[in-house]
């Protein structure tokens, strides 16, 4: 696959109480620039059970300087904003949703 998730980090949103920001570090391992991918975010509880899933398309998240592609052989950070995640959620796993392109 062209993309790989290197790290997922969750922080409280300083602007909105009760909200979190999930930062997903994506590596474009291709030799050419690639369009930002769809990202599936899965929230899990303490036992590892799935609480919820959502797929974010590039239109759902902001990119640095609103560019549409990740440069070749580089890392980009995507920020996903969750206004009111389930309070049982302790795990936030991001995966790339492969498309047919």
C-alpha atoms as a PDB file:
ATOM      1  CA  UNK A   1       0.000   0.000   0.000  1.00  0.00           C
ATOM      2  CA  UNK A   2       1.123   3.535  -0.748  1.00  0.00           C
ATOM      3  CA  UNK A   3       0.046   4.828   2.679  1.00  0.00           C
ATOM      4  CA  UNK A   4       0.808   3.636   6.164  1.00  0.00           C
ATOM      5  CA  UNK A   5      -0.392   5.012   9.518  1.00  0.00           C
ATOM      6  CA  UNK A   6       2.710   5.693  11.607  1.00  0.00           C
ATOM      7  CA  UNK A   7       1.100   7.128  14.724  1.00  0.00           C
ATOM      8  CA  UNK A   8      -2.279   8.159  16.108  1.00  0.00           C
ATOM      9  CA  UNK A   9      -2.351  10.739  18.879  1.00  0.00           C
ATOM     10  CA  UNK A  10      -5.378  11.943  20.839  1.00  0.00           C
ATOM     11  CA  UNK A  11      -5.493  15.298  22.646  1.00  0.00           C
ATOM     12  CA  UNK A  12      -8.239  17.298  24.286  1.00  0.00           C
ATOM     13  CA  UNK A  13      -9.492  20.126  22.099  1.00  0.00           C
ATOM     14  CA  UNK A  14      -8.480  23.376  23.832  1.00  0.00           C
ATOM     15  CA  UNK A  15     -11.259  25.261  22.041  1.00  0.00           C
ATOM     16  CA  UNK A  16     -14.174  22.965  22.803  1.00  0.00           C
ATOM     17  CA  UNK A  17     -14.755  21.280  26.189  1.00  0.00           C
ATOM     18  CA  UNK A  18     -15.479  17.551  25.864  1.00  0.00           C
ATOM     19  CA  UNK A  19     -14.074  17.360  22.343  1.00  0.00           C
ATOM     20  CA  UNK A  20     -10.885  15.648  21.194  1.00  0.00           C
ATOM     21  CA  UNK A  21      -8.509  16.039  18.281  1.00  0.00           C
ATOM     22  CA  UNK A  22      -7.130  12.850  16.759  1.00  0.00           C
ATOM     23  CA  UNK A  23      -3.902  13.441  14.835  1.00  0.00           C
ATOM     24  CA  UNK A  24      -3.046  10.735  12.341  1.00  0.00           C
ATOM     25  CA  UNK A  25       0.523  10.629  10.982  1.00  0.00           C
ATOM     26  CA  UNK A  26       0.439   9.223   7.431  1.00  0.00           C
ATOM     27  CA  UNK A  27       3.454   8.079   5.458  1.00  0.00           C
ATOM     28  CA  UNK A  28       3.247   8.207   1.678  1.00  0.00           C
ATOM     29  CA  UNK A  29       5.659   5.460   0.682  1.00  0.00           C
ATOM     30  CA  UNK A  30       5.103   5.944  -3.040  1.00  0.00           C
ATOM     31  CA  UNK A  31       7.625   7.601  -5.350  1.00  0.00           C
ATOM     32  CA  UNK A  32       4.959  10.064  -6.519  1.00  0.00           C
ATOM     33  CA  UNK A  33       2.545  12.432  -4.752  1.00  0.00           C
ATOM     34  CA  UNK A  34      -0.724  10.721  -3.815  1.00  0.00           C
ATOM     35  CA  UNK A  35      -4.160  12.145  -3.011  1.00  0.00           C
ATOM     36  CA  UNK A  36      -5.007  12.105   0.695  1.00  0.00           C
ATOM     37  CA  UNK A  37      -6.728   8.804   1.554  1.00  0.00           C
ATOM     38  CA  UNK A  38      -9.943   7.980   3.348  1.00  0.00           C
ATOM     39  CA  UNK A  39      -9.255   7.133   6.994  1.00  0.00           C
ATOM     40  CA  UNK A  40     -11.359   4.842   9.159  1.00  0.00           C
ATOM     41  CA  UNK A  41     -11.325   5.717  12.854  1.00  0.00           C
ATOM     42  CA  UNK A  42     -12.375   2.969  15.265  1.00  0.00           C
ATOM     43  CA  UNK A  43     -13.101   3.734  18.927  1.00  0.00           C
ATOM     44  CA  UNK A  44     -12.702   0.903  21.429  1.00  0.00           C
ATOM     45  CA  UNK A  45     -13.440   0.433  25.128  1.00  0.00           C
ATOM     46  CA  UNK A  46     -11.164  -0.943  27.860  1.00  0.00           C
ATOM     47  CA  UNK A  47     -11.965  -4.544  26.898  1.00  0.00           C
ATOM     48  CA  UNK A  48     -11.128  -3.909  23.229  1.00  0.00           C
ATOM     49  CA  UNK A  49     -14.738  -3.928  22.117  1.00  0.00           C
ATOM     50  CA  UNK A  50     -15.690  -1.622  19.277  1.00  0.00           C
ATOM     51  CA  UNK A  51     -17.776   1.356  20.358  1.00  0.00           C
ATOM     52  CA  UNK A  52     -18.022   2.953  16.946  1.00  0.00           C
ATOM     53  CA  UNK A  53     -16.432   3.421  13.528  1.00  0.00           C
ATOM     54  CA  UNK A  54     -16.453   6.217  11.013  1.00  0.00           C
ATOM     55  CA  UNK A  55     -14.716   6.662   7.697  1.00  0.00           C
ATOM     56  CA  UNK A  56     -13.423  10.179   7.027  1.00  0.00           C
ATOM     57  CA  UNK A  57     -12.875  11.210   3.428  1.00  0.00           C
ATOM     58  CA  UNK A  58     -10.371  13.937   2.535  1.00  0.00           C
ATOM     59  CA  UNK A  59     -13.329  16.332   2.268  1.00  0.00           C
ATOM     60  CA  UNK A  60     -14.086  15.643   5.966  1.00  0.00           C
ATOM     61  CA  UNK A  61     -10.722  16.761   7.310  1.00  0.00           C
ATOM     62  CA  UNK A  62      -8.459  19.739   6.858  1.00  0.00           C
ATOM     63  CA  UNK A  63      -4.963  19.326   5.498  1.00  0.00           C
ATOM     64  CA  UNK A  64      -2.006  21.660   5.875  1.00  0.00           C
ATOM     65  CA  UNK A  65      -2.532  24.640   3.544  1.00  0.00           C
ATOM     66  CA  UNK A  66      -5.501  22.728   2.077  1.00  0.00           C
ATOM     67  CA  UNK A  67      -3.295  20.760  -0.307  1.00  0.00           C
ATOM     68  CA  UNK A  68      -4.924  17.741  -1.922  1.00  0.00           C
ATOM     69  CA  UNK A  69      -1.894  15.452  -2.164  1.00  0.00           C
ATOM     70  CA  UNK A  70       0.738  14.043   0.162  1.00  0.00           C
ATOM     71  CA  UNK A  71       4.202  14.577  -1.386  1.00  0.00           C
ATOM     72  CA  UNK A  72       6.197  11.532  -2.449  1.00  0.00           C
ATOM     73  CA  UNK A  73       8.122   9.700   0.276  1.00  0.00           C
ATOM     74  CA  UNK A  74       6.938  11.995   3.064  1.00  0.00           C
ATOM     75  CA  UNK A  75       4.815  12.141   6.205  1.00  0.00           C
ATOM     76  CA  UNK A  76       1.659  14.231   6.614  1.00  0.00           C
ATOM     77  CA  UNK A  77      -0.470  14.830   9.702  1.00  0.00           C
ATOM     78  CA  UNK A  78      -4.257  14.773   9.419  1.00  0.00           C
ATOM     79  CA  UNK A  79      -6.416  16.187  12.225  1.00  0.00           C
ATOM     80  CA  UNK A  80      -9.812  14.652  12.936  1.00  0.00           C
ATOM     81  CA  UNK A  81     -12.081  16.574  15.309  1.00  0.00           C
ATOM     82  CA  UNK A  82     -14.557  14.630  17.453  1.00  0.00           C
ATOM     83  CA  UNK A  83     -17.048  16.909  19.179  1.00  0.00           C
ATOM     84  CA  UNK A  84     -18.406  14.407  21.695  1.00  0.00           C
ATOM     85  CA  UNK A  85     -16.780  10.991  21.610  1.00  0.00           C
ATOM     86  CA  UNK A  86     -18.265   8.245  23.747  1.00  0.00           C
ATOM     87  CA  UNK A  87     -16.764   8.602  27.225  1.00  0.00           C
ATOM     88  CA  UNK A  88     -16.061   4.855  27.322  1.00  0.00           C
ATOM     89  CA  UNK A  89     -13.615   5.203  24.414  1.00  0.00           C
ATOM     90  CA  UNK A  90     -10.002   4.586  25.439  1.00  0.00           C
ATOM     91  CA  UNK A  91      -8.655   3.353  22.109  1.00  0.00           C
ATOM     92  CA  UNK A  92      -8.560   5.321  18.865  1.00  0.00           C
ATOM     93  CA  UNK A  93      -7.281   3.300  15.900  1.00  0.00           C
ATOM     94  CA  UNK A  94      -6.849   4.858  12.467  1.00  0.00           C
ATOM     95  CA  UNK A  95      -6.555   2.721   9.349  1.00  0.00           C
ATOM     96  CA  UNK A  96      -6.321   3.607   5.684  1.00  0.00           C
ATOM     97  CA  UNK A  97      -9.335   2.713   3.549  1.00  0.00           C
ATOM     98  CA  UNK A  98      -7.969   1.486   0.245  1.00  0.00           C
ATOM     99  CA  UNK A  99      -9.762   2.567  -2.896  1.00  0.00           C
ATOM    100  CA  UNK A 100      -9.610   1.080  -6.340  1.00  0.00           C
ATOM    101  CA  UNK A 101      -7.281   3.791  -7.666  1.00  0.00           C
END
